[in-house]
Amino acid sequence: MNMILDHVFILVEPGAKVADRLLESGFQEGPSNTHPGQGTANRRFYFSDIMLEFIWVHDADEAENGPGQKLYFAKRAEDRAASPFGAIFVPGKDDTSSDMPFPGWHYQPAIFTPP
């Protein structure tokens, strides 16, 4: 499978005040949103070919029990030893293979139209 890096996220404190440092440095912020089923919200910064997303848990119950529970956002937000980083990949432009190069599980956020 040919994969392309779509965006990187950093799990941060609610409201992502740390993202204000990018604003102070002259970066422009994109629109924020929430992620139904994950219990998370975000602030986003777009670059020419990637997005940097600051994400936080805004509904712990949804994060622990919703369709995105295997992302472990609620647990990771509470555990200072857990990695706050994540990388999201999408299939390459001409990729027709569905074989993943590593073990995983299928997760389709409700906000995205299948597949």
PDB file of N, CA and C in Angstrom:
ATOM      1  N   MET A   1       0.839  -1.180   0.000  1.00  0.00           N
ATOM      2  CA  MET A   1       0.000   0.000   0.000  1.00  0.00           C
ATOM      3  C   MET A   1       0.885   1.245   0.000  1.00  0.00           C
ATOM      4  N   ASN A   2       0.609   2.147  -0.897  1.00  0.00           N
ATOM      5  CA  ASN A   2       1.304   3.418  -0.988  1.00  0.00           C
ATOM      6  C   ASN A   2       0.576   4.415  -0.094  1.00  0.00           C
ATOM      7  N   MET A   3       1.253   4.907   0.945  1.00  0.00           N
ATOM      8  CA  MET A   3       0.596   5.806   1.893  1.00  0.00           C
ATOM      9  C   MET A   3       1.239   7.183   1.883  1.00  0.00           C
ATOM     10  N   ILE A   4       0.403   8.197   2.096  1.00  0.00           N
ATOM     11  CA  ILE A   4       0.846   9.587   2.132  1.00  0.00           C
ATOM     12  C   ILE A   4       0.470  10.179   3.481  1.00  0.00           C
ATOM     13  N   LEU A   5       1.387  10.912   4.082  1.00  0.00           N
ATOM     14  CA  LEU A   5       1.099  11.579   5.350  1.00  0.00           C
ATOM     15  C   LEU A   5       0.081  12.681   5.112  1.00  0.00           C
ATOM     16  N   ASP A   6      -1.064  12.598   5.785  1.00  0.00           N
ATOM     17  CA  ASP A   6      -2.129  13.589   5.653  1.00  0.00           C
ATOM     18  C   ASP A   6      -1.987  14.680   6.705  1.00  0.00           C
ATOM     19  N   HIS A   7      -1.887  14.263   7.972  1.00  0.00           N
ATOM     20  CA  HIS A   7      -1.686  15.252   9.030  1.00  0.00           C
ATOM     21  C   HIS A   7      -1.100  14.616  10.278  1.00  0.00           C
ATOM     22  N   VAL A   8      -0.607  15.467  11.135  1.00  0.00           N
ATOM     23  CA  VAL A   8      -0.030  15.076  12.412  1.00  0.00           C
ATOM     24  C   VAL A   8      -0.847  15.761  13.493  1.00  0.00           C
ATOM     25  N   PHE A   9      -1.113  15.031  14.575  1.00  0.00           N
ATOM     26  CA  PHE A   9      -1.796  15.676  15.688  1.00  0.00           C
ATOM     27  C   PHE A   9      -0.961  15.605  16.953  1.00  0.00           C
ATOM     28  N   ILE A  10      -1.247  16.536  17.849  1.00  0.00           N
ATOM     29  CA  ILE A  10      -0.652  16.554  19.178  1.00  0.00           C
ATOM     30  C   ILE A  10      -1.806  16.652  20.167  1.00  0.00           C
ATOM     31  N   LEU A  11      -1.880  15.700  21.080  1.00  0.00           N
ATOM     32  CA  LEU A  11      -2.906  15.698  22.116  1.00  0.00           C
ATOM     33  C   LEU A  11      -2.484  16.683  23.203  1.00  0.00           C
ATOM     34  N   VAL A  12      -3.306  17.701  23.421  1.00  0.00           N
ATOM     35  CA  VAL A  12      -2.955  18.794  24.333  1.00  0.00           C
ATOM     36  C   VAL A  12      -4.083  19.053  25.333  1.00  0.00           C
ATOM     37  N   GLU A  13      -3.882  20.067  26.161  1.00  0.00           N
ATOM     38  CA  GLU A  13      -4.885  20.446  27.156  1.00  0.00           C
ATOM     39  C   GLU A  13      -6.099  21.053  26.461  1.00  0.00           C
ATOM     40  N   PRO A  14      -7.279  20.976  27.106  1.00  0.00           N
ATOM     41  CA  PRO A  14      -8.484  21.563  26.508  1.00  0.00           C
ATOM     42  C   PRO A  14      -8.276  23.029  26.101  1.00  0.00           C
ATOM     43  N   GLY A  15      -8.718  23.341  24.898  1.00  0.00           N
ATOM     44  CA  GLY A  15      -8.585  24.693  24.361  1.00  0.00           C
ATOM     45  C   GLY A  15      -7.307  24.926  23.585  1.00  0.00           C
ATOM     46  N   ALA A  16      -6.317  24.069  23.776  1.00  0.00           N
ATOM     47  CA  ALA A  16      -5.042  24.139  23.045  1.00  0.00           C
ATOM     48  C   ALA A  16      -4.405  25.527  23.095  1.00  0.00           C
ATOM     49  N   LYS A  17      -4.267  26.053  24.301  1.00  0.00           N
ATOM     50  CA  LYS A  17      -3.618  27.366  24.439  1.00  0.00           C
ATOM     51  C   LYS A  17      -2.219  27.383  23.829  1.00  0.00           C
ATOM     52  N   VAL A  18      -1.556  26.225  23.799  1.00  0.00           N
ATOM     53  CA  VAL A  18      -0.214  26.146  23.226  1.00  0.00           C
ATOM     54  C   VAL A  18      -0.222  26.569  21.755  1.00  0.00           C
ATOM     55  N   ALA A  19      -1.337  26.387  21.069  1.00  0.00           N
ATOM     56  CA  ALA A  19      -1.435  26.774  19.657  1.00  0.00           C
ATOM     57  C   ALA A  19      -1.363  28.289  19.480  1.00  0.00           C
ATOM     58  N   ASP A  20      -1.639  29.028  20.540  1.00  0.00           N
ATOM     59  CA  ASP A  20      -1.529  30.485  20.459  1.00  0.00           C
ATOM     60  C   ASP A  20      -0.116  30.922  20.106  1.00  0.00           C
ATOM     61  N   ARG A  21       0.868  30.107  20.446  1.00  0.00           N
ATOM     62  CA  ARG A  21       2.262  30.446  20.105  1.00  0.00           C
ATOM     63  C   ARG A  21       2.469  30.487  18.595  1.00  0.00           C
ATOM     64  N   LEU A  22       1.761  29.631  17.872  1.00  0.00           N
ATOM     65  CA  LEU A  22       1.857  29.682  16.414  1.00  0.00           C
ATOM     66  C   LEU A  22       1.238  30.971  15.886  1.00  0.00           C
ATOM     67  N   LEU A  23       0.110  31.374  16.466  1.00  0.00           N
ATOM     68  CA  LEU A  23      -0.518  32.637  16.062  1.00  0.00           C
ATOM     69  C   LEU A  23       0.419  33.807  16.320  1.00  0.00           C
ATOM     70  N   GLU A  24       1.068  33.802  17.468  1.00  0.00           N
ATOM     71  CA  GLU A  24       2.017  34.870  17.824  1.00  0.00           C
ATOM     72  C   GLU A  24       3.205  34.918  16.873  1.00  0.00           C
ATOM     73  N   SER A  25       3.512  33.772  16.260  1.00  0.00           N
ATOM     74  CA  SER A  25       4.633  33.695  15.314  1.00  0.00           C
ATOM     75  C   SER A  25       4.208  34.000  13.885  1.00  0.00           C
ATOM     76  N   GLY A  26       2.927  34.339  13.683  1.00  0.00           N
ATOM     77  CA  GLY A  26       2.461  34.741  12.364  1.00  0.00           C
ATOM     78  C   GLY A  26       1.740  33.674  11.560  1.00  0.00           C
ATOM     79  N   PHE A  27       1.581  32.489  12.113  1.00  0.00           N
ATOM     80  CA  PHE A  27       0.846  31.445  11.392  1.00  0.00           C
ATOM     81  C   PHE A  27      -0.646  31.733  11.432  1.00  0.00           C
ATOM     82  N   GLN A  28      -1.363  31.268  10.415  1.00  0.00           N
ATOM     83  CA  GLN A  28      -2.807  31.458  10.365  1.00  0.00           C
ATOM     84  C   GLN A  28      -3.500  30.166  10.759  1.00  0.00           C
ATOM     85  N   GLU A  29      -4.534  30.318  11.573  1.00  0.00           N
ATOM     86  CA  GLU A  29      -5.278  29.162  12.039  1.00  0.00           C
ATOM     87  C   GLU A  29      -6.456  28.878  11.117  1.00  0.00           C
ATOM     88  N   GLY A  30      -6.687  27.599  10.851  1.00  0.00           N
ATOM     89  CA  GLY A  30      -7.847  27.176  10.076  1.00  0.00           C
ATOM     90  C   GLY A  30      -9.041  26.989  10.998  1.00  0.00           C
ATOM     91  N   PRO A  31     -10.160  26.551  10.430  1.00  0.00           N
ATOM     92  CA  PRO A  31     -11.350  26.343  11.247  1.00  0.00           C
ATOM     93  C   PRO A  31     -11.167  25.154  12.198  1.00  0.00           C
ATOM     94  N   SER A  32     -11.765  25.263  13.368  1.00  0.00           N
ATOM     95  CA  SER A  32     -11.728  24.157  14.318  1.00  0.00           C
ATOM     96  C   SER A  32     -13.028  23.373  14.211  1.00  0.00           C
ATOM     97  N   ASN A  33     -13.031  22.174  14.784  1.00  0.00           N
ATOM     98  CA  ASN A  33     -14.247  21.375  14.795  1.00  0.00           C
ATOM     99  C   ASN A  33     -14.193  20.356  15.916  1.00  0.00           C
ATOM    100  N   THR A  34     -15.264  19.593  16.040  1.00  0.00           N
ATOM    101  CA  THR A  34     -15.308  18.475  16.973  1.00  0.00           C
ATOM    102  C   THR A  34     -15.372  17.195  16.161  1.00  0.00           C
ATOM    103  N   HIS A  35     -15.077  16.080  16.821  1.00  0.00           N
ATOM    104  CA  HIS A  35     -15.053  14.782  16.163  1.00  0.00           C
ATOM    105  C   HIS A  35     -16.099  13.885  16.821  1.00  0.00           C
ATOM    106  N   PRO A  36     -17.307  13.823  16.254  1.00  0.00           N
ATOM    107  CA  PRO A  36     -18.345  12.953  16.819  1.00  0.00           C
ATOM    108  C   PRO A  36     -17.874  11.496  16.886  1.00  0.00           C
ATOM    109  N   GLY A  37     -18.105  10.868  18.020  1.00  0.00           N
ATOM    110  CA  GLY A  37     -17.687   9.487  18.223  1.00  0.00           C
ATOM    111  C   GLY A  37     -16.315   9.353  18.839  1.00  0.00           C
ATOM    112  N   GLN A  38     -15.519  10.408  18.792  1.00  0.00           N
ATOM    113  CA  GLN A  38     -14.188  10.405  19.399  1.00  0.00           C
ATOM    114  C   GLN A  38     -14.165  11.193  20.701  1.00  0.00           C
ATOM    115  N   GLY A  39     -15.104  12.112  20.868  1.00  0.00           N
ATOM    116  CA  GLY A  39     -15.119  12.942  22.067  1.00  0.00           C
ATOM    117  C   GLY A  39     -14.011  13.981  22.080  1.00  0.00           C
ATOM    118  N   THR A  40     -13.536  14.371  20.911  1.00  0.00           N
ATOM    119  CA  THR A  40     -12.428  15.319  20.824  1.00  0.00           C
ATOM    120  C   THR A  40     -12.817  16.563  20.033  1.00  0.00           C
ATOM    121  N   ALA A  41     -12.033  17.609  20.218  1.00  0.00           N
ATOM    122  CA  ALA A  41     -12.158  18.858  19.470  1.00  0.00           C
ATOM    123  C   ALA A  41     -10.750  19.261  19.047  1.00  0.00           C
ATOM    124  N   ASN A  42     -10.651  20.262  18.158  1.00  0.00           N
ATOM    125  CA  ASN A  42      -9.314  20.598  17.674  1.00  0.00           C
ATOM    126  C   ASN A  42      -9.148  22.064  17.314  1.00  0.00           C
ATOM    127  N   ARG A  43      -7.893  22.399  17.085  1.00  0.00           N
ATOM    128  CA  ARG A  43      -7.462  23.628  16.413  1.00  0.00           C
ATOM    129  C   ARG A  43      -6.513  23.161  15.327  1.00  0.00           C
ATOM    130  N   ARG A  44      -6.603  23.784  14.116  1.00  0.00           N
ATOM    131  CA  ARG A  44      -5.841  23.288  12.972  1.00  0.00           C
ATOM    132  C   ARG A  44      -5.048  24.399  12.296  1.00  0.00           C
ATOM    133  N   PHE A  45      -3.870  23.999  11.843  1.00  0.00           N
ATOM    134  CA  PHE A  45      -2.993  24.886  11.090  1.00  0.00           C
ATOM    135  C   PHE A  45      -2.584  24.155   9.819  1.00  0.00           C
ATOM    136  N   TYR A  46      -2.827  24.795   8.669  1.00  0.00           N
ATOM    137  CA  TYR A  46      -2.558  24.178   7.365  1.00  0.00           C
ATOM    138  C   TYR A  46      -1.259  24.707   6.768  1.00  0.00           C
ATOM    139  N   PHE A  47      -0.528  23.790   6.165  1.00  0.00           N
ATOM    140  CA  PHE A  47       0.693  24.118   5.448  1.00  0.00           C
ATOM    141  C   PHE A  47       0.496  23.650   4.004  1.00  0.00           C
ATOM    142  N   SER A  48       1.483  23.798   3.156  1.00  0.00           N
ATOM    143  CA  SER A  48       1.287  23.505   1.735  1.00  0.00           C
ATOM    144  C   SER A  48       0.846  22.070   1.466  1.00  0.00           C
ATOM    145  N   ASP A  49       1.334  21.114   2.229  1.00  0.00           N
ATOM    146  CA  ASP A  49       0.976  19.726   1.954  1.00  0.00           C
ATOM    147  C   ASP A  49       0.669  18.895   3.201  1.00  0.00           C
ATOM    148  N   ILE A  50       0.413  19.567   4.309  1.00  0.00           N
ATOM    149  CA  ILE A  50       0.139  18.849   5.563  1.00  0.00           C
ATOM    150  C   ILE A  50      -0.638  19.761   6.514  1.00  0.00           C
ATOM    151  N   MET A  51      -1.298  19.143   7.467  1.00  0.00           N
ATOM    152  CA  MET A  51      -2.003  19.892   8.501  1.00  0.00           C
ATOM    153  C   MET A  51      -1.427  19.499   9.856  1.00  0.00           C
ATOM    154  N   LEU A  52      -1.296  20.467  10.736  1.00  0.00           N
ATOM    155  CA  LEU A  52      -0.916  20.234  12.121  1.00  0.00           C
ATOM    156  C   LEU A  52      -2.163  20.458  12.957  1.00  0.00           C
ATOM    157  N   GLU A  53      -2.550  19.441  13.705  1.00  0.00           N
ATOM    158  CA  GLU A  53      -3.790  19.483  14.473  1.00  0.00           C
ATOM    159  C   GLU A  53      -3.476  19.378  15.963  1.00  0.00           C
ATOM    160  N   PHE A  54      -3.978  20.330  16.723  1.00  0.00           N
ATOM    161  CA  PHE A  54      -3.920  20.271  18.172  1.00  0.00           C
ATOM    162  C   PHE A  54      -5.277  19.736  18.614  1.00  0.00           C
ATOM    163  N   ILE A  55      -5.282  18.611  19.307  1.00  0.00           N
ATOM    164  CA  ILE A  55      -6.522  17.919  19.641  1.00  0.00           C
ATOM    165  C   ILE A  55      -6.625  17.730  21.149  1.00  0.00           C
ATOM    166  N   TRP A  56      -7.846  17.798  21.669  1.00  0.00           N
ATOM    167  CA  TRP A  56      -8.059  17.564  23.098  1.00  0.00           C
ATOM    168  C   TRP A  56      -9.388  16.853  23.309  1.00  0.00           C
ATOM    169  N   VAL A  57      -9.512  16.229  24.475  1.00  0.00           N
ATOM    170  CA  VAL A  57     -10.745  15.543  24.844  1.00  0.00           C
ATOM    171  C   VAL A  57     -11.725  16.584  25.374  1.00  0.00           C
ATOM    172  N   HIS A  58     -12.902  16.661  24.744  1.00  0.00           N
ATOM    173  CA  HIS A  58     -13.931  17.579  25.238  1.00  0.00           C
ATOM    174  C   HIS A  58     -15.114  16.821  25.820  1.00  0.00           C
ATOM    175  N   ASP A  59     -15.212  15.514  25.570  1.00  0.00           N
ATOM    176  CA  ASP A  59     -16.269  14.668  26.122  1.00  0.00           C
ATOM    177  C   ASP A  59     -15.640  13.321  26.462  1.00  0.00           C
ATOM    178  N   ALA A  60     -15.211  13.159  27.723  1.00  0.00           N
ATOM    179  CA  ALA A  60     -14.500  11.954  28.138  1.00  0.00           C
ATOM    180  C   ALA A  60     -15.352  10.700  27.975  1.00  0.00           C
ATOM    181  N   ASP A  61     -16.659  10.785  28.255  1.00  0.00           N
ATOM    182  CA  ASP A  61     -17.529   9.622  28.123  1.00  0.00           C
ATOM    183  C   ASP A  61     -17.579   9.153  26.667  1.00  0.00           C
ATOM    184  N   GLU A  62     -17.729  10.099  25.745  1.00  0.00           N
ATOM    185  CA  GLU A  62     -17.750   9.742  24.324  1.00  0.00           C
ATOM    186  C   GLU A  62     -16.393   9.186  23.886  1.00  0.00           C
ATOM    187  N   ALA A  63     -15.304   9.777  24.384  1.00  0.00           N
ATOM    188  CA  ALA A  63     -13.967   9.301  24.026  1.00  0.00           C
ATOM    189  C   ALA A  63     -13.739   7.874  24.527  1.00  0.00           C
ATOM    190  N   GLU A  64     -14.275   7.544  25.696  1.00  0.00           N
ATOM    191  CA  GLU A  64     -14.081   6.219  26.279  1.00  0.00           C
ATOM    192  C   GLU A  64     -15.042   5.167  25.733  1.00  0.00           C
ATOM    193  N   ASN A  65     -16.225   5.581  25.269  1.00  0.00           N
ATOM    194  CA  ASN A  65     -17.255   4.616  24.889  1.00  0.00           C
ATOM    195  C   ASN A  65     -17.746   4.714  23.453  1.00  0.00           C
ATOM    196  N   GLY A  66     -17.343   5.730  22.715  1.00  0.00           N
ATOM    197  CA  GLY A  66     -17.799   5.918  21.340  1.00  0.00           C
ATOM    198  C   GLY A  66     -17.060   5.027  20.361  1.00  0.00           C
ATOM    199  N   PRO A  67     -17.393   5.147  19.085  1.00  0.00           N
ATOM    200  CA  PRO A  67     -16.756   4.324  18.046  1.00  0.00           C
ATOM    201  C   PRO A  67     -15.238   4.494  17.972  1.00  0.00           C
ATOM    202  N   GLY A  68     -14.722   5.629  18.422  1.00  0.00           N
ATOM    203  CA  GLY A  68     -13.281   5.873  18.391  1.00  0.00           C
ATOM    204  C   GLY A  68     -12.574   5.511  19.679  1.00  0.00           C
ATOM    205  N   GLN A  69     -13.201   4.682  20.518  1.00  0.00           N
ATOM    206  CA  GLN A  69     -12.624   4.367  21.819  1.00  0.00           C
ATOM    207  C   GLN A  69     -11.251   3.710  21.736  1.00  0.00           C
ATOM    208  N   LYS A  70     -10.965   2.965  20.649  1.00  0.00           N
ATOM    209  CA  LYS A  70      -9.657   2.304  20.523  1.00  0.00           C
ATOM    210  C   LYS A  70      -8.522   3.295  20.265  1.00  0.00           C
ATOM    211  N   LEU A  71      -8.864   4.559  20.073  1.00  0.00           N
ATOM    212  CA  LEU A  71      -7.829   5.590  19.942  1.00  0.00           C
ATOM    213  C   LEU A  71      -7.272   5.967  21.313  1.00  0.00           C
ATOM    214  N   TYR A  72      -7.996   5.614  22.372  1.00  0.00           N
ATOM    215  CA  TYR A  72      -7.577   5.813  23.758  1.00  0.00           C
ATOM    216  C   TYR A  72      -7.256   7.268  24.101  1.00  0.00           C
ATOM    217  N   PHE A  73      -7.983   8.201  23.496  1.00  0.00           N
ATOM    218  CA  PHE A  73      -7.700   9.612  23.761  1.00  0.00           C
ATOM    219  C   PHE A  73      -7.904   9.983  25.221  1.00  0.00           C
ATOM    220  N   ALA A  74      -8.964   9.507  25.864  1.00  0.00           N
ATOM    221  CA  ALA A  74      -9.213   9.862  27.266  1.00  0.00           C
ATOM    222  C   ALA A  74      -8.082   9.350  28.156  1.00  0.00           C
ATOM    223  N   LYS A  75      -7.671   8.112  27.950  1.00  0.00           N
ATOM    224  CA  LYS A  75      -6.581   7.547  28.754  1.00  0.00           C
ATOM    225  C   LYS A  75      -5.260   8.244  28.467  1.00  0.00           C
ATOM    226  N   ARG A  76      -5.003   8.514  27.197  1.00  0.00           N
ATOM    227  CA  ARG A  76      -3.749   9.173  26.827  1.00  0.00           C
ATOM    228  C   ARG A  76      -3.685  10.592  27.379  1.00  0.00           C
ATOM    229  N   ALA A  77      -4.834  11.266  27.440  1.00  0.00           N
ATOM    230  CA  ALA A  77      -4.860  12.639  27.959  1.00  0.00           C
ATOM    231  C   ALA A  77      -4.550  12.674  29.454  1.00  0.00           C
ATOM    232  N   GLU A  78      -4.885  11.619  30.154  1.00  0.00           N
ATOM    233  CA  GLU A  78      -4.649  11.562  31.606  1.00  0.00           C
ATOM    234  C   GLU A  78      -3.255  11.058  31.963  1.00  0.00           C
ATOM    235  N   ASP A  79      -2.613  10.337  31.071  1.00  0.00           N
ATOM    236  CA  ASP A  79      -1.331   9.694  31.343  1.00  0.00           C
ATOM    237  C   ASP A  79      -0.180  10.518  30.779  1.00  0.00           C
ATOM    238  N   ARG A  80       0.564  11.173  31.640  1.00  0.00           N
ATOM    239  CA  ARG A  80       1.673  12.026  31.190  1.00  0.00           C
ATOM    240  C   ARG A  80       2.780  11.234  30.490  1.00  0.00           C
ATOM    241  N   ALA A  81       2.828   9.912  30.705  1.00  0.00           N
ATOM    242  CA  ALA A  81       3.845   9.081  30.062  1.00  0.00           C
ATOM    243  C   ALA A  81       3.411   8.637  28.661  1.00  0.00           C
ATOM    244  N   ALA A  82       2.145   8.815  28.327  1.00  0.00           N
ATOM    245  CA  ALA A  82       1.637   8.405  27.008  1.00  0.00           C
ATOM    246  C   ALA A  82       2.098   9.396  25.939  1.00  0.00           C
ATOM    247  N   SER A  83       2.300   8.894  24.751  1.00  0.00           N
ATOM    248  CA  SER A  83       2.692   9.767  23.642  1.00  0.00           C
ATOM    249  C   SER A  83       1.520  10.654  23.238  1.00  0.00           C
ATOM    250  N   PRO A  84       1.753  11.955  23.105  1.00  0.00           N
ATOM    251  CA  PRO A  84       0.690  12.853  22.667  1.00  0.00           C
ATOM    252  C   PRO A  84       0.614  12.986  21.144  1.00  0.00           C
ATOM    253  N   PHE A  85       1.489  12.284  20.432  1.00  0.00           N
ATOM    254  CA  PHE A  85       1.595  12.461  18.988  1.00  0.00           C
ATOM    255  C   PHE A  85       0.873  11.371  18.207  1.00  0.00           C
ATOM    256  N   GLY A  86       0.378  11.732  17.053  1.00  0.00           N
ATOM    257  CA  GLY A  86      -0.234  10.777  16.144  1.00  0.00           C
ATOM    258  C   GLY A  86      -0.015  11.231  14.718  1.00  0.00           C
ATOM    259  N   ALA A  87       0.074  10.276  13.807  1.00  0.00           N
ATOM    260  CA  ALA A  87       0.239  10.573  12.386  1.00  0.00           C
ATOM    261  C   ALA A  87      -0.870   9.864  11.621  1.00  0.00           C
ATOM    262  N   ILE A  88      -1.524  10.600  10.747  1.00  0.00           N
ATOM    263  CA  ILE A  88      -2.634  10.063   9.967  1.00  0.00           C
ATOM    264  C   ILE A  88      -2.202   9.991   8.512  1.00  0.00           C
ATOM    265  N   PHE A  89      -2.333   8.797   7.945  1.00  0.00           N
ATOM    266  CA  PHE A  89      -1.953   8.549   6.558  1.00  0.00           C
ATOM    267  C   PHE A  89      -3.190   8.254   5.726  1.00  0.00           C
ATOM    268  N   VAL A  90      -3.114   8.562   4.457  1.00  0.00           N
ATOM    269  CA  VAL A  90      -4.181   8.245   3.495  1.00  0.00           C
ATOM    270  C   VAL A  90      -3.549   7.455   2.354  1.00  0.00           C
ATOM    271  N   PRO A  91      -4.369   6.679   1.628  1.00  0.00           N
ATOM    272  CA  PRO A  91      -3.816   5.941   0.486  1.00  0.00           C
ATOM    273  C   PRO A  91      -3.240   6.903  -0.552  1.00  0.00           C
ATOM    274  N   GLY A  92      -2.202   6.447  -1.229  1.00  0.00           N
ATOM    275  CA  GLY A  92      -1.602   7.239  -2.291  1.00  0.00           C
ATOM    276  C   GLY A  92      -2.561   7.427  -3.455  1.00  0.00           C
ATOM    277  N   LYS A  93      -2.250   8.368  -4.304  1.00  0.00           N
ATOM    278  CA  LYS A  93      -3.126   8.769  -5.409  1.00  0.00           C
ATOM    279  C   LYS A  93      -3.559   7.605  -6.291  1.00  0.00           C
ATOM    280  N   ASP A  94      -2.645   6.763  -6.683  1.00  0.00           N
ATOM    281  CA  ASP A  94      -2.957   5.667  -7.602  1.00  0.00           C
ATOM    282  C   ASP A  94      -2.998   4.312  -6.906  1.00  0.00           C
ATOM    283  N   ASP A  95      -3.129   4.301  -5.602  1.00  0.00           N
ATOM    284  CA  ASP A  95      -3.096   3.056  -4.845  1.00  0.00           C
ATOM    285  C   ASP A  95      -4.441   2.337  -4.922  1.00  0.00           C
ATOM    286  N   THR A  96      -4.410   1.091  -5.345  1.00  0.00           N
ATOM    287  CA  THR A  96      -5.628   0.283  -5.407  1.00  0.00           C
ATOM    288  C   THR A  96      -5.582  -0.862  -4.403  1.00  0.00           C
ATOM    289  N   SER A  97      -4.472  -1.000  -3.696  1.00  0.00           N
ATOM    290  CA  SER A  97      -4.311  -2.075  -2.724  1.00  0.00           C
ATOM    291  C   SER A  97      -4.973  -1.702  -1.399  1.00  0.00           C
ATOM    292  N   SER A  98      -5.537  -2.686  -0.741  1.00  0.00           N
ATOM    293  CA  SER A  98      -6.102  -2.438   0.588  1.00  0.00           C
ATOM    294  C   SER A  98      -5.255  -3.098   1.666  1.00  0.00           C
ATOM    295  N   ASP A  99      -4.108  -3.657   1.275  1.00  0.00           N
ATOM    296  CA  ASP A  99      -3.219  -4.301   2.234  1.00  0.00           C
ATOM    297  C   ASP A  99      -2.472  -3.266   3.048  1.00  0.00           C
ATOM    298  N   MET A 100      -2.565  -3.386   4.368  1.00  0.00           N
ATOM    299  CA  MET A 100      -1.859  -2.472   5.251  1.00  0.00           C
ATOM    300  C   MET A 100      -0.459  -3.017   5.513  1.00  0.00           C
ATOM    301  N   PRO A 101       0.537  -2.157   5.649  1.00  0.00           N
ATOM    302  CA  PRO A 101       1.910  -2.617   5.883  1.00  0.00           C
ATOM    303  C   PRO A 101       2.174  -2.973   7.353  1.00  0.00           C
ATOM    304  N   PHE A 102       1.144  -2.880   8.195  1.00  0.00           N
ATOM    305  CA  PHE A 102       1.294  -3.187   9.623  1.00  0.00           C
ATOM    306  C   PHE A 102      -0.082  -3.580  10.170  1.00  0.00           C
ATOM    307  N   PRO A 103      -0.112  -4.285  11.303  1.00  0.00           N
ATOM    308  CA  PRO A 103      -1.414  -4.670  11.863  1.00  0.00           C
ATOM    309  C   PRO A 103      -2.165  -3.447  12.357  1.00  0.00           C
ATOM    310  N   GLY A 104      -3.471  -3.503  12.307  1.00  0.00           N
ATOM    311  CA  GLY A 104      -4.279  -2.382  12.770  1.00  0.00           C
ATOM    312  C   GLY A 104      -5.738  -2.761  12.824  1.00  0.00           C
ATOM    313  N   TRP A 105      -6.595  -1.790  12.893  1.00  0.00           N
ATOM    314  CA  TRP A 105      -8.038  -2.010  12.915  1.00  0.00           C
ATOM    315  C   TRP A 105      -8.683  -0.915  12.097  1.00  0.00           C
ATOM    316  N   HIS A 106      -9.847  -1.221  11.567  1.00  0.00           N
ATOM    317  CA  HIS A 106     -10.551  -0.254  10.730  1.00  0.00           C
ATOM    318  C   HIS A 106     -11.318   0.729  11.603  1.00  0.00           C
ATOM    319  N   TYR A 107     -11.161   2.006  11.309  1.00  0.00           N
ATOM    320  CA  TYR A 107     -11.921   3.035  11.997  1.00  0.00           C
ATOM    321  C   TYR A 107     -12.358   4.053  10.956  1.00  0.00           C
ATOM    322  N   GLN A 108     -13.647   4.223  10.823  1.00  0.00           N
ATOM    323  CA  GLN A 108     -14.212   5.178   9.870  1.00  0.00           C
ATOM    324  C   GLN A 108     -14.989   6.224  10.666  1.00  0.00           C
ATOM    325  N   PRO A 109     -14.419   7.429  10.887  1.00  0.00           N
ATOM    326  CA  PRO A 109     -15.163   8.456  11.618  1.00  0.00           C
ATOM    327  C   PRO A 109     -16.510   8.750  10.956  1.00  0.00           C
ATOM    328  N   ALA A 110     -17.514   8.966  11.764  1.00  0.00           N
ATOM    329  CA  ALA A 110     -18.874   9.205  11.269  1.00  0.00           C
ATOM    330  C   ALA A 110     -18.956  10.442  10.369  1.00  0.00           C
ATOM    331  N   ILE A 111     -18.033  11.378  10.533  1.00  0.00           N
ATOM    332  CA  ILE A 111     -18.096  12.616   9.743  1.00  0.00           C
ATOM    333  C   ILE A 111     -17.593  12.426   8.319  1.00  0.00           C
ATOM    334  N   PHE A 112     -16.964  11.270   8.023  1.00  0.00           N
ATOM    335  CA  PHE A 112     -16.460  10.996   6.677  1.00  0.00           C
ATOM    336  C   PHE A 112     -17.364  10.016   5.956  1.00  0.00           C
ATOM    337  N   THR A 113     -17.622  10.286   4.693  1.00  0.00           N
ATOM    338  CA  THR A 113     -18.409   9.385   3.864  1.00  0.00           C
ATOM    339  C   THR A 113     -17.570   8.151   3.524  1.00  0.00           C
ATOM    340  N   PRO A 114     -18.102   6.933   3.730  1.00  0.00           N
ATOM    341  CA  PRO A 114     -17.340   5.729   3.377  1.00  0.00           C
ATOM    342  C   PRO A 114     -16.981   5.743   1.895  1.00  0.00           C
ATOM    343  N   PRO A 115     -15.909   5.124   1.441  1.00  0.00           N
ATOM    344  CA  PRO A 115     -15.038   4.287   2.268  1.00  0.00           C
ATOM    345  C   PRO A 115     -14.030   5.119   3.002  1.00  0.00           C
TER     346      PRO A 115
END
